[in-house]
PDB file of N, CA and C in Angstrom:
ATOM      1  N   MET A   1       0.232  44.966 -28.423  1.00  0.00           N
ATOM      2  CA  MET A   1      -0.165  44.700 -29.539  1.00  0.00           C
ATOM      3  C   MET A   1      -1.704  45.785 -29.355  1.00  0.00           C
ATOM      4  N   VAL A   2      -2.364  45.435 -30.181  1.00  0.00           N
ATOM      5  CA  VAL A   2      -3.609  46.574 -30.121  1.00  0.00           C
ATOM      6  C   VAL A   2      -4.595  45.960 -30.193  1.00  0.00           C
ATOM      7  N   PRO A   3      -5.400  46.100 -29.588  1.00  0.00           N
ATOM      8  CA  PRO A   3      -6.419  44.544 -29.547  1.00  0.00           C
ATOM      9  C   PRO A   3      -7.174  44.536 -31.002  1.00  0.00           C
ATOM     10  N   ASP A   4      -7.157  44.377 -31.891  1.00  0.00           N
ATOM     11  CA  ASP A   4      -7.020  44.209 -33.579  1.00  0.00           C
ATOM     12  C   ASP A   4      -6.401  43.230 -33.911  1.00  0.00           C
ATOM     13  N   SER A   5      -4.350  43.418 -32.750  1.00  0.00           N
ATOM     14  CA  SER A   5      -3.878  42.090 -33.282  1.00  0.00           C
ATOM     15  C   SER A   5      -3.217  42.425 -34.812  1.00  0.00           C
ATOM     16  N   ARG A   6      -2.944  43.693 -34.502  1.00  0.00           N
ATOM     17  CA  ARG A   6      -2.327  43.881 -36.652  1.00  0.00           C
ATOM     18  C   ARG A   6      -1.441  44.308 -36.300  1.00  0.00           C
ATOM     19  N   TRP A   7      -1.150  46.403 -35.027  1.00  0.00           N
ATOM     20  CA  TRP A   7      -0.225  46.391 -35.417  1.00  0.00           C
ATOM     21  C   TRP A   7       0.548  46.111 -34.083  1.00  0.00           C
ATOM     22  N   ILE A   8       2.039  46.442 -33.327  1.00  0.00           N
ATOM     23  CA  ILE A   8       2.629  46.592 -32.328  1.00  0.00           C
ATOM     24  C   ILE A   8       3.164  47.759 -32.495  1.00  0.00           C
ATOM     25  N   ALA A   9       3.807  48.488 -31.525  1.00  0.00           N
ATOM     26  CA  ALA A   9       3.817  49.303 -30.650  1.00  0.00           C
ATOM     27  C   ALA A   9       5.322  49.391 -29.633  1.00  0.00           C
ATOM     28  N   TYR A  10       5.889  50.154 -29.917  1.00  0.00           N
ATOM     29  CA  TYR A  10       7.334  49.872 -29.153  1.00  0.00           C
ATOM     30  C   TYR A  10       7.821  51.028 -29.450  1.00  0.00           C
ATOM     31  N   SER A  11       8.845  51.841 -28.380  1.00  0.00           N
ATOM     32  CA  SER A  11       9.487  52.816 -28.500  1.00  0.00           C
ATOM     33  C   SER A  11      11.382  52.368 -28.646  1.00  0.00           C
ATOM     34  N   ASP A  12      11.958  53.536 -28.862  1.00  0.00           N
ATOM     35  CA  ASP A  12      13.152  53.104 -29.208  1.00  0.00           C
ATOM     36  C   ASP A  12      14.002  54.092 -28.272  1.00  0.00           C
ATOM     37  N   TRP A  13      12.944  54.587 -26.877  1.00  0.00           N
ATOM     38  CA  TRP A  13      13.810  55.342 -26.041  1.00  0.00           C
ATOM     39  C   TRP A  13      13.653  56.349 -25.843  1.00  0.00           C
ATOM     40  N   ASN A  14      13.455  57.011 -27.457  1.00  0.00           N
ATOM     41  CA  ASN A  14      12.932  58.799 -28.008  1.00  0.00           C
ATOM     42  C   ASN A  14      11.683  58.567 -28.243  1.00  0.00           C
ATOM     43  N   GLU A  15      10.982  58.557 -28.979  1.00  0.00           N
ATOM     44  CA  GLU A  15       9.967  58.188 -29.999  1.00  0.00           C
ATOM     45  C   GLU A  15       9.389  56.227 -30.107  1.00  0.00           C
ATOM     46  N   LEU A  16       7.945  56.916 -29.542  1.00  0.00           N
ATOM     47  CA  LEU A  16       7.097  55.644 -30.046  1.00  0.00           C
ATOM     48  C   LEU A  16       6.716  55.607 -31.911  1.00  0.00           C
ATOM     49  N   TYR A  17       6.505  54.247 -31.756  1.00  0.00           N
ATOM     50  CA  TYR A  17       6.571  53.217 -33.299  1.00  0.00           C
ATOM     51  C   TYR A  17       5.370  52.289 -33.443  1.00  0.00           C
ATOM     52  N   ARG A  18       4.845  52.594 -34.458  1.00  0.00           N
ATOM     53  CA  ARG A  18       4.608  51.520 -34.767  1.00  0.00           C
ATOM     54  C   ARG A  18       4.068  50.496 -36.146  1.00  0.00           C
ATOM     55  N   VAL A  19       4.710  48.896 -35.913  1.00  0.00           N
ATOM     56  CA  VAL A  19       5.410  48.067 -37.388  1.00  0.00           C
ATOM     57  C   VAL A  19       3.860  46.770 -37.060  1.00  0.00           C
ATOM     58  N   SER A  20       3.875  47.122 -38.352  1.00  0.00           N
ATOM     59  CA  SER A  20       1.953  45.808 -38.772  1.00  0.00           C
ATOM     60  C   SER A  20       3.139  44.271 -38.335  1.00  0.00           C
ATOM     61  N   VAL A  21       1.838  43.795 -37.824  1.00  0.00           N
ATOM     62  CA  VAL A  21       3.036  42.535 -36.828  1.00  0.00           C
ATOM     63  C   VAL A  21       3.154  41.215 -38.358  1.00  0.00           C
ATOM     64  N   ASP A  22       2.516  42.095 -39.690  1.00  0.00           N
ATOM     65  CA  ASP A  22       3.181  40.883 -41.279  1.00  0.00           C
ATOM     66  C   ASP A  22       4.260  41.386 -41.024  1.00  0.00           C
ATOM     67  N   GLY A  23       4.960  42.648 -40.135  1.00  0.00           N
ATOM     68  CA  GLY A  23       6.321  43.731 -40.660  1.00  0.00           C
ATOM     69  C   GLY A  23       6.338  44.669 -41.361  1.00  0.00           C
ATOM     70  N   GLY A  24       7.301  45.668 -42.215  1.00  0.00           N
ATOM     71  CA  GLY A  24       7.304  46.539 -43.422  1.00  0.00           C
ATOM     72  C   GLY A  24       8.336  47.672 -42.505  1.00  0.00           C
ATOM     73  N   THR A  25       7.934  49.032 -42.785  1.00  0.00           N
ATOM     74  CA  THR A  25       8.706  49.303 -42.403  1.00  0.00           C
ATOM     75  C   THR A  25       7.957  50.711 -41.264  1.00  0.00           C
ATOM     76  N   PRO A  26       8.364  51.049 -39.869  1.00  0.00           N
ATOM     77  CA  PRO A  26       7.957  51.510 -38.668  1.00  0.00           C
ATOM     78  C   PRO A  26       7.430  52.792 -39.388  1.00  0.00           C
ATOM     79  N   GLU A  27       6.892  53.050 -38.710  1.00  0.00           N
ATOM     80  CA  GLU A  27       6.074  54.551 -38.644  1.00  0.00           C
ATOM     81  C   GLU A  27       6.111  54.821 -36.942  1.00  0.00           C
ATOM     82  N   LYS A  28       6.712  56.078 -37.845  1.00  0.00           N
ATOM     83  CA  LYS A  28       7.388  57.172 -36.558  1.00  0.00           C
ATOM     84  C   LYS A  28       5.598  57.569 -35.799  1.00  0.00           C
ATOM     85  N   LEU A  29       5.335  57.668 -34.424  1.00  0.00           N
ATOM     86  CA  LEU A  29       4.117  57.879 -34.336  1.00  0.00           C
ATOM     87  C   LEU A  29       4.097  59.558 -33.429  1.00  0.00           C
ATOM     88  N   THR A  30       5.531  59.641 -32.659  1.00  0.00           N
ATOM     89  CA  THR A  30       5.966  60.822 -32.178  1.00  0.00           C
ATOM     90  C   THR A  30       6.753  61.834 -31.885  1.00  0.00           C
ATOM     91  N   SER A  31       6.870  62.782 -31.827  1.00  0.00           N
ATOM     92  CA  SER A  31       8.124  63.280 -32.162  1.00  0.00           C
ATOM     93  C   SER A  31       8.371  64.637 -31.067  1.00  0.00           C
ATOM     94  N   GLU A  32       7.891  64.556 -29.536  1.00  0.00           N
ATOM     95  CA  GLU A  32       8.796  65.606 -29.195  1.00  0.00           C
ATOM     96  C   GLU A  32       9.704  65.696 -28.397  1.00  0.00           C
ATOM     97  N   GLY A  33      10.414  64.554 -29.212  1.00  0.00           N
ATOM     98  CA  GLY A  33      11.709  64.573 -28.412  1.00  0.00           C
ATOM     99  C   GLY A  33      12.034  64.515 -26.533  1.00  0.00           C
ATOM    100  N   PHE A  34      10.911  63.905 -25.836  1.00  0.00           N
ATOM    101  CA  PHE A  34      10.620  63.846 -24.187  1.00  0.00           C
ATOM    102  C   PHE A  34      11.396  61.962 -23.983  1.00  0.00           C
ATOM    103  N   GLN A  35      12.019  61.574 -25.170  1.00  0.00           N
ATOM    104  CA  GLN A  35      11.846  60.109 -25.223  1.00  0.00           C
ATOM    105  C   GLN A  35      11.068  59.255 -24.621  1.00  0.00           C
ATOM    106  N   GLU A  36       9.911  59.574 -24.725  1.00  0.00           N
ATOM    107  CA  GLU A  36       9.111  58.808 -25.169  1.00  0.00           C
ATOM    108  C   GLU A  36       9.500  57.152 -24.715  1.00  0.00           C
ATOM    109  N   VAL A  37       8.849  56.724 -23.752  1.00  0.00           N
ATOM    110  CA  VAL A  37       8.995  54.925 -23.365  1.00  0.00           C
ATOM    111  C   VAL A  37       7.192  54.038 -22.525  1.00  0.00           C
ATOM    112  N   LEU A  38       7.529  52.815 -23.274  1.00  0.00           N
ATOM    113  CA  LEU A  38       7.014  52.032 -21.911  1.00  0.00           C
ATOM    114  C   LEU A  38       5.390  52.240 -23.066  1.00  0.00           C
ATOM    115  N   PRO A  39       4.757  51.985 -23.743  1.00  0.00           N
ATOM    116  CA  PRO A  39       3.959  52.442 -25.213  1.00  0.00           C
ATOM    117  C   PRO A  39       2.161  51.649 -24.107  1.00  0.00           C
ATOM    118  N   SER A  40       1.442  51.375 -24.391  1.00  0.00           N
ATOM    119  CA  SER A  40       0.031  50.580 -23.873  1.00  0.00           C
ATOM    120  C   SER A  40      -1.213  50.753 -24.379  1.00  0.00           C
ATOM    121  N   TRP A  41      -1.462  49.891 -25.822  1.00  0.00           N
ATOM    122  CA  TRP A  41      -2.707  50.357 -26.363  1.00  0.00           C
ATOM    123  C   TRP A  41      -3.259  50.202 -25.347  1.00  0.00           C
ATOM    124  N   SER A  42      -5.076  51.572 -26.051  1.00  0.00           N
ATOM    125  CA  SER A  42      -6.035  51.905 -25.002  1.00  0.00           C
ATOM    126  C   SER A  42      -6.531  50.252 -25.410  1.00  0.00           C
ATOM    127  N   PRO A  43      -8.040  50.682 -24.988  1.00  0.00           N
ATOM    128  CA  PRO A  43      -8.408  49.537 -25.103  1.00  0.00           C
ATOM    129  C   PRO A  43      -9.325  48.713 -26.701  1.00  0.00           C
ATOM    130  N   ASP A  44      -9.990  50.219 -26.833  1.00  0.00           N
ATOM    131  CA  ASP A  44     -10.297  50.317 -28.334  1.00  0.00           C
ATOM    132  C   ASP A  44      -9.468  50.566 -29.540  1.00  0.00           C
ATOM    133  N   GLY A  45      -8.542  50.770 -29.629  1.00  0.00           N
ATOM    134  CA  GLY A  45      -7.184  50.780 -30.182  1.00  0.00           C
ATOM    135  C   GLY A  45      -7.136  52.401 -31.560  1.00  0.00           C
ATOM    136  N   LYS A  46      -7.720  53.170 -30.080  1.00  0.00           N
ATOM    137  CA  LYS A  46      -7.330  54.266 -30.574  1.00  0.00           C
ATOM    138  C   LYS A  46      -6.268  55.292 -30.421  1.00  0.00           C
ATOM    139  N   ALA A  47      -5.720  55.064 -29.180  1.00  0.00           N
ATOM    140  CA  ALA A  47      -4.745  55.763 -28.567  1.00  0.00           C
ATOM    141  C   ALA A  47      -3.760  54.887 -28.366  1.00  0.00           C
ATOM    142  N   ILE A  48      -3.068  55.017 -27.359  1.00  0.00           N
ATOM    143  CA  ILE A  48      -1.998  54.879 -26.869  1.00  0.00           C
ATOM    144  C   ILE A  48      -1.366  56.102 -25.658  1.00  0.00           C
ATOM    145  N   TYR A  49      -1.402  54.799 -24.975  1.00  0.00           N
ATOM    146  CA  TYR A  49      -0.497  55.659 -23.674  1.00  0.00           C
ATOM    147  C   TYR A  49       0.754  55.262 -23.202  1.00  0.00           C
ATOM    148  N   PHE A  50       1.349  55.921 -22.897  1.00  0.00           N
ATOM    149  CA  PHE A  50       2.704  55.960 -22.808  1.00  0.00           C
ATOM    150  C   PHE A  50       3.274  57.045 -21.850  1.00  0.00           C
ATOM    151  N   ASN A  51       4.569  57.144 -21.050  1.00  0.00           N
ATOM    152  CA  ASN A  51       5.481  57.899 -20.080  1.00  0.00           C
ATOM    153  C   ASN A  51       6.345  58.765 -21.467  1.00  0.00           C
ATOM    154  N   ASP A  52       6.693  60.323 -20.504  1.00  0.00           N
ATOM    155  CA  ASP A  52       7.763  60.187 -21.546  1.00  0.00           C
ATOM    156  C   ASP A  52       8.963  60.138 -20.694  1.00  0.00           C
ATOM    157  N   TYR A  53       9.539  59.891 -20.891  1.00  0.00           N
ATOM    158  CA  TYR A  53      11.247  60.332 -19.561  1.00  0.00           C
ATOM    159  C   TYR A  53      11.159  61.674 -19.275  1.00  0.00           C
ATOM    160  N   PRO A  54      11.100  61.089 -17.872  1.00  0.00           N
ATOM    161  CA  PRO A  54      10.367  61.768 -16.737  1.00  0.00           C
ATOM    162  C   PRO A  54      11.832  63.530 -15.933  1.00  0.00           C
ATOM    163  N   ILE A  55      11.304  64.689 -16.838  1.00  0.00           N
ATOM    164  CA  ILE A  55      12.436  65.268 -16.590  1.00  0.00           C
ATOM    165  C   ILE A  55      12.407  66.169 -14.924  1.00  0.00           C
ATOM    166  N   ALA A  56      13.283  66.047 -14.295  1.00  0.00           N
ATOM    167  CA  ALA A  56      13.616  66.154 -13.355  1.00  0.00           C
ATOM    168  C   ALA A  56      13.451  65.059 -11.638  1.00  0.00           C
ATOM    169  N   GLY A  57      12.446  64.015 -12.808  1.00  0.00           N
ATOM    170  CA  GLY A  57      11.875  62.939 -11.889  1.00  0.00           C
ATOM    171  C   GLY A  57      10.837  63.226 -11.544  1.00  0.00           C
ATOM    172  N   HIS A  58       9.713  64.121 -12.636  1.00  0.00           N
ATOM    173  CA  HIS A  58       8.227  64.273 -12.602  1.00  0.00           C
ATOM    174  C   HIS A  58       7.587  62.484 -13.553  1.00  0.00           C
ATOM    175  N   PHE A  59       7.299  61.942 -13.314  1.00  0.00           N
ATOM    176  CA  PHE A  59       5.969  60.764 -13.831  1.00  0.00           C
ATOM    177  C   PHE A  59       5.203  61.647 -14.367  1.00  0.00           C
ATOM    178  N   ARG A  60       4.384  60.810 -15.571  1.00  0.00           N
ATOM    179  CA  ARG A  60       2.527  61.515 -15.265  1.00  0.00           C
ATOM    180  C   ARG A  60       2.668  59.958 -16.933  1.00  0.00           C
ATOM    181  N   ILE A  61       1.723  60.109 -17.472  1.00  0.00           N
ATOM    182  CA  ILE A  61       0.293  59.626 -17.969  1.00  0.00           C
ATOM    183  C   ILE A  61       0.440  60.470 -19.075  1.00  0.00           C
ATOM    184  N   ARG A  62       0.414  60.372 -20.363  1.00  0.00           N
ATOM    185  CA  ARG A  62       0.626  60.995 -21.150  1.00  0.00           C
ATOM    186  C   ARG A  62       0.047  59.832 -22.710  1.00  0.00           C
ATOM    187  N   ILE A  63      -1.381  60.311 -23.524  1.00  0.00           N
ATOM    188  CA  ILE A  63      -2.511  60.013 -24.104  1.00  0.00           C
ATOM    189  C   ILE A  63      -1.206  60.424 -25.997  1.00  0.00           C
ATOM    190  N   LEU A  64      -1.347  59.120 -27.244  1.00  0.00           N
ATOM    191  CA  LEU A  64      -1.693  59.770 -27.746  1.00  0.00           C
ATOM    192  C   LEU A  64      -2.835  59.652 -28.720  1.00  0.00           C
ATOM    193  N   ASP A  65      -3.644  59.961 -29.027  1.00  0.00           N
ATOM    194  CA  ASP A  65      -4.686  60.478 -30.249  1.00  0.00           C
ATOM    195  C   ASP A  65      -4.407  59.764 -31.586  1.00  0.00           C
ATOM    196  N   LEU A  66      -3.931  58.582 -31.924  1.00  0.00           N
ATOM    197  CA  LEU A  66      -4.367  57.861 -32.835  1.00  0.00           C
ATOM    198  C   LEU A  66      -4.201  59.196 -34.597  1.00  0.00           C
ATOM    199  N   ALA A  67      -5.787  59.813 -34.007  1.00  0.00           N
ATOM    200  CA  ALA A  67      -6.337  59.324 -35.256  1.00  0.00           C
ATOM    201  C   ALA A  67      -6.402  60.902 -35.513  1.00  0.00           C
ATOM    202  N   THR A  68      -5.694  61.837 -34.824  1.00  0.00           N
ATOM    203  CA  THR A  68      -5.448  62.998 -34.340  1.00  0.00           C
ATOM    204  C   THR A  68      -3.354  63.776 -34.280  1.00  0.00           C
ATOM    205  N   GLY A  69      -3.190  62.552 -33.891  1.00  0.00           N
ATOM    206  CA  GLY A  69      -1.373  62.906 -34.098  1.00  0.00           C
ATOM    207  C   GLY A  69      -1.011  63.484 -32.498  1.00  0.00           C
ATOM    208  N   LYS A  70      -2.822  63.873 -31.874  1.00  0.00           N
ATOM    209  CA  LYS A  70      -2.455  64.347 -30.665  1.00  0.00           C
ATOM    210  C   LYS A  70      -1.779  64.161 -29.435  1.00  0.00           C
ATOM    211  N   VAL A  71      -0.738  65.503 -28.912  1.00  0.00           N
ATOM    212  CA  VAL A  71      -0.173  64.063 -27.468  1.00  0.00           C
ATOM    213  C   VAL A  71      -1.357  65.091 -25.539  1.00  0.00           C
ATOM    214  N   SER A  72      -1.793  64.113 -25.584  1.00  0.00           N
ATOM    215  CA  SER A  72      -1.894  64.511 -23.767  1.00  0.00           C
ATOM    216  C   SER A  72      -2.069  64.389 -22.875  1.00  0.00           C
ATOM    217  N   THR A  73      -1.643  64.841 -21.261  1.00  0.00           N
ATOM    218  CA  THR A  73      -1.185  64.708 -20.197  1.00  0.00           C
ATOM    219  C   THR A  73      -2.527  63.809 -20.067  1.00  0.00           C
ATOM    220  N   MET A  74      -3.120  62.562 -19.221  1.00  0.00           N
ATOM    221  CA  MET A  74      -4.156  61.850 -18.916  1.00  0.00           C
ATOM    222  C   MET A  74      -3.855  62.953 -16.851  1.00  0.00           C
ATOM    223  N   PRO A  75      -5.735  63.360 -17.332  1.00  0.00           N
ATOM    224  CA  PRO A  75      -5.622  64.030 -16.114  1.00  0.00           C
ATOM    225  C   PRO A  75      -5.114  63.310 -14.936  1.00  0.00           C
ATOM    226  N   GLY A  76      -5.192  63.808 -13.837  1.00  0.00           N
ATOM    227  CA  GLY A  76      -4.438  63.592 -12.855  1.00  0.00           C
ATOM    228  C   GLY A  76      -3.396  61.936 -12.357  1.00  0.00           C
ATOM    229  N   SER A  77      -2.656  62.547 -13.342  1.00  0.00           N
ATOM    230  CA  SER A  77      -1.749  61.162 -13.781  1.00  0.00           C
ATOM    231  C   SER A  77      -0.091  61.546 -12.854  1.00  0.00           C
ATOM    232  N   ASP A  78       0.180  62.498 -12.881  1.00  0.00           N
ATOM    233  CA  ASP A  78       1.016  63.077 -11.441  1.00  0.00           C
ATOM    234  C   ASP A  78       1.636  62.104 -10.721  1.00  0.00           C
ATOM    235  N   GLY A  79       2.164  61.162 -11.012  1.00  0.00           N
ATOM    236  CA  GLY A  79       3.521  60.261 -10.320  1.00  0.00           C
ATOM    237  C   GLY A  79       2.971  59.345 -10.661  1.00  0.00           C
ATOM    238  N   TYR A  80       2.974  58.258 -12.159  1.00  0.00           N
ATOM    239  CA  TYR A  80       2.388  57.537 -12.607  1.00  0.00           C
ATOM    240  C   TYR A  80       3.617  57.297 -13.648  1.00  0.00           C
ATOM    241  N   TYR A  81       3.986  55.719 -13.527  1.00  0.00           N
ATOM    242  CA  TYR A  81       3.708  55.443 -14.668  1.00  0.00           C
ATOM    243  C   TYR A  81       3.794  54.291 -15.335  1.00  0.00           C
ATOM    244  N   ALA A  82       4.486  54.217 -15.851  1.00  0.00           N
ATOM    245  CA  ALA A  82       4.359  52.175 -16.767  1.00  0.00           C
ATOM    246  C   ALA A  82       2.623  51.549 -16.845  1.00  0.00           C
ATOM    247  N   PRO A  83       1.801  52.930 -17.598  1.00  0.00           N
ATOM    248  CA  PRO A  83       0.607  51.936 -17.456  1.00  0.00           C
ATOM    249  C   PRO A  83      -0.168  51.073 -18.188  1.00  0.00           C
ATOM    250  N   ARG A  84      -1.147  49.850 -18.082  1.00  0.00           N
ATOM    251  CA  ARG A  84      -1.390  49.271 -19.128  1.00  0.00           C
ATOM    252  C   ARG A  84      -2.740  48.698 -18.487  1.00  0.00           C
ATOM    253  N   TRP A  85      -3.157  48.782 -19.637  1.00  0.00           N
ATOM    254  CA  TRP A  85      -4.731  48.430 -19.038  1.00  0.00           C
ATOM    255  C   TRP A  85      -5.940  47.181 -19.287  1.00  0.00           C
ATOM    256  N   SER A  86      -6.864  46.735 -18.270  1.00  0.00           N
ATOM    257  CA  SER A  86      -6.788  45.557 -17.975  1.00  0.00           C
ATOM    258  C   SER A  86      -7.399  44.882 -18.870  1.00  0.00           C
ATOM    259  N   PRO A  87      -7.361  43.263 -19.600  1.00  0.00           N
ATOM    260  CA  PRO A  87      -8.194  43.116 -20.878  1.00  0.00           C
ATOM    261  C   PRO A  87      -9.760  43.629 -21.208  1.00  0.00           C
ATOM    262  N   ASP A  88     -10.389  43.476 -19.734  1.00  0.00           N
ATOM    263  CA  ASP A  88     -11.933  43.987 -20.216  1.00  0.00           C
ATOM    264  C   ASP A  88     -11.977  45.140 -20.411  1.00  0.00           C
ATOM    265  N   GLY A  89     -10.802  46.461 -20.350  1.00  0.00           N
ATOM    266  CA  GLY A  89     -10.862  47.926 -20.492  1.00  0.00           C
ATOM    267  C   GLY A  89     -11.037  48.427 -19.745  1.00  0.00           C
ATOM    268  N   GLN A  90     -12.486  48.155 -18.346  1.00  0.00           N
ATOM    269  CA  GLN A  90     -12.537  49.199 -17.716  1.00  0.00           C
ATOM    270  C   GLN A  90     -11.144  49.871 -16.163  1.00  0.00           C
ATOM    271  N   TYR A  91     -10.294  49.110 -15.828  1.00  0.00           N
ATOM    272  CA  TYR A  91      -8.980  49.312 -15.167  1.00  0.00           C
ATOM    273  C   TYR A  91      -7.100  50.091 -16.444  1.00  0.00           C
ATOM    274  N   LEU A  92      -7.172  51.257 -15.523  1.00  0.00           N
ATOM    275  CA  LEU A  92      -6.080  51.561 -16.240  1.00  0.00           C
ATOM    276  C   LEU A  92      -4.984  51.367 -15.589  1.00  0.00           C
ATOM    277  N   ALA A  93      -3.627  50.489 -14.886  1.00  0.00           N
ATOM    278  CA  ALA A  93      -2.985  49.962 -13.887  1.00  0.00           C
ATOM    279  C   ALA A  93      -1.835  51.150 -14.265  1.00  0.00           C
ATOM    280  N   ALA A  94      -1.068  51.332 -13.163  1.00  0.00           N
ATOM    281  CA  ALA A  94       0.325  51.696 -13.355  1.00  0.00           C
ATOM    282  C   ALA A  94       1.294  51.983 -11.313  1.00  0.00           C
ATOM    283  N   THR A  95       2.581  51.705 -12.381  1.00  0.00           N
ATOM    284  CA  THR A  95       3.515  51.940 -10.653  1.00  0.00           C
ATOM    285  C   THR A  95       2.447  53.383 -10.510  1.00  0.00           C
ATOM    286  N   GLN A  96       3.082  54.216  -8.429  1.00  0.00           N
ATOM    287  CA  GLN A  96       2.651  55.423  -7.854  1.00  0.00           C
ATOM    288  C   GLN A  96       4.256  55.019  -7.590  1.00  0.00           C
ATOM    289  N   ASN A  97       4.370  56.317  -7.466  1.00  0.00           N
ATOM    290  CA  ASN A  97       6.323  56.984  -7.991  1.00  0.00           C
ATOM    291  C   ASN A  97       6.487  57.985  -7.223  1.00  0.00           C
ATOM    292  N   PRO A  98       6.583  58.611  -5.468  1.00  0.00           N
ATOM    293  CA  PRO A  98       6.403  57.563  -4.730  1.00  0.00           C
ATOM    294  C   PRO A  98       5.126  57.075  -4.200  1.00  0.00           C
ATOM    295  N   PRO A  99       4.168  56.533  -3.414  1.00  0.00           N
ATOM    296  CA  PRO A  99       5.842  55.643  -2.578  1.00  0.00           C
ATOM    297  C   PRO A  99       6.047  54.452  -3.847  1.00  0.00           C
ATOM    298  N   LYS A 100       6.787  52.997  -4.053  1.00  0.00           N
ATOM    299  CA  LYS A 100       6.820  52.633  -5.495  1.00  0.00           C
ATOM    300  C   LYS A 100       6.110  51.651  -4.704  1.00  0.00           C
ATOM    301  N   SER A 101       4.627  51.847  -5.569  1.00  0.00           N
ATOM    302  CA  SER A 101       3.228  51.535  -5.616  1.00  0.00           C
ATOM    303  C   SER A 101       2.415  51.045  -6.750  1.00  0.00           C
ATOM    304  N   LEU A 102       0.969  50.112  -6.630  1.00  0.00           N
ATOM    305  CA  LEU A 102       0.679  49.942  -7.871  1.00  0.00           C
ATOM    306  C   LEU A 102      -0.243  50.908  -7.402  1.00  0.00           C
ATOM    307  N   ALA A 103      -0.694  51.188  -8.528  1.00  0.00           N
ATOM    308  CA  ALA A 103      -2.161  52.187  -8.456  1.00  0.00           C
ATOM    309  C   ALA A 103      -2.611  52.000  -8.872  1.00  0.00           C
ATOM    310  N   VAL A 104      -4.360  52.479  -9.510  1.00  0.00           N
ATOM    311  CA  VAL A 104      -5.674  51.188 -10.826  1.00  0.00           C
ATOM    312  C   VAL A 104      -6.270  52.671 -10.468  1.00  0.00           C
ATOM    313  N   TYR A 105      -6.523  52.389 -11.899  1.00  0.00           N
ATOM    314  CA  TYR A 105      -7.953  53.581 -12.292  1.00  0.00           C
ATOM    315  C   TYR A 105      -8.967  52.980 -12.756  1.00  0.00           C
ATOM    316  N   SER A 106      -9.624  53.355 -12.287  1.00  0.00           N
ATOM    317  CA  SER A 106     -10.718  53.077 -12.390  1.00  0.00           C
ATOM    318  C   SER A 106     -11.859  54.209 -13.597  1.00  0.00           C
ATOM    319  N   VAL A 107     -11.758  53.539 -14.715  1.00  0.00           N
ATOM    320  CA  VAL A 107     -12.503  54.265 -15.386  1.00  0.00           C
ATOM    321  C   VAL A 107     -14.144  54.717 -16.020  1.00  0.00           C
ATOM    322  N   LYS A 108     -14.687  53.710 -14.342  1.00  0.00           N
ATOM    323  CA  LYS A 108     -15.955  54.335 -14.400  1.00  0.00           C
ATOM    324  C   LYS A 108     -16.607  55.514 -13.418  1.00  0.00           C
ATOM    325  N   THR A 109     -15.199  55.072 -12.577  1.00  0.00           N
ATOM    326  CA  THR A 109     -15.227  56.114 -11.752  1.00  0.00           C
ATOM    327  C   THR A 109     -14.294  58.066 -11.638  1.00  0.00           C
ATOM    328  N   ARG A 110     -13.388  57.095 -13.125  1.00  0.00           N
ATOM    329  CA  ARG A 110     -12.704  58.031 -12.538  1.00  0.00           C
ATOM    330  C   ARG A 110     -11.385  58.111 -11.659  1.00  0.00           C
ATOM    331  N   GLN A 111     -11.127  57.959 -10.583  1.00  0.00           N
ATOM    332  CA  GLN A 111     -10.473  57.972  -9.999  1.00  0.00           C
ATOM    333  C   GLN A 111      -9.385  57.070  -9.897  1.00  0.00           C
ATOM    334  N   TRP A 112      -7.709  56.802  -9.097  1.00  0.00           N
ATOM    335  CA  TRP A 112      -7.318  55.735  -8.866  1.00  0.00           C
ATOM    336  C   TRP A 112      -7.327  56.222  -7.951  1.00  0.00           C
ATOM    337  N   ARG A 113      -6.566  54.303  -6.780  1.00  0.00           N
ATOM    338  CA  ARG A 113      -7.250  53.532  -6.071  1.00  0.00           C
ATOM    339  C   ARG A 113      -5.734  52.769  -5.789  1.00  0.00           C
ATOM    340  N   ALA A 114      -4.813  53.649  -5.003  1.00  0.00           N
ATOM    341  CA  ALA A 114      -3.328  52.962  -4.708  1.00  0.00           C
ATOM    342  C   ALA A 114      -3.233  51.705  -3.227  1.00  0.00           C
TER     343      ALA A 114
END
């Protein structure tokens, strides 16, 4: 759910959508066709971090900028999936593959720590 608690992001295992917490018609957010999954709102609500289903096992974190609709790859995120933000917005946790372990990205240092 977005930090302002007005939107819910979800995936149908092909594309990302958002829908108002009050209901209504879902809005398709992506159309890259790479099986976008595991959406997680940025702390400021301006972006959604997610994974596209790995092609040949290559995980990476993708970022959807909601203002522009552009999708980019988070620098240094190769091998990471299932991104989730800390409540204070200072850290992003993700699973690292391989090895299957938890890693934490610091917004301040811009570095991953396993």
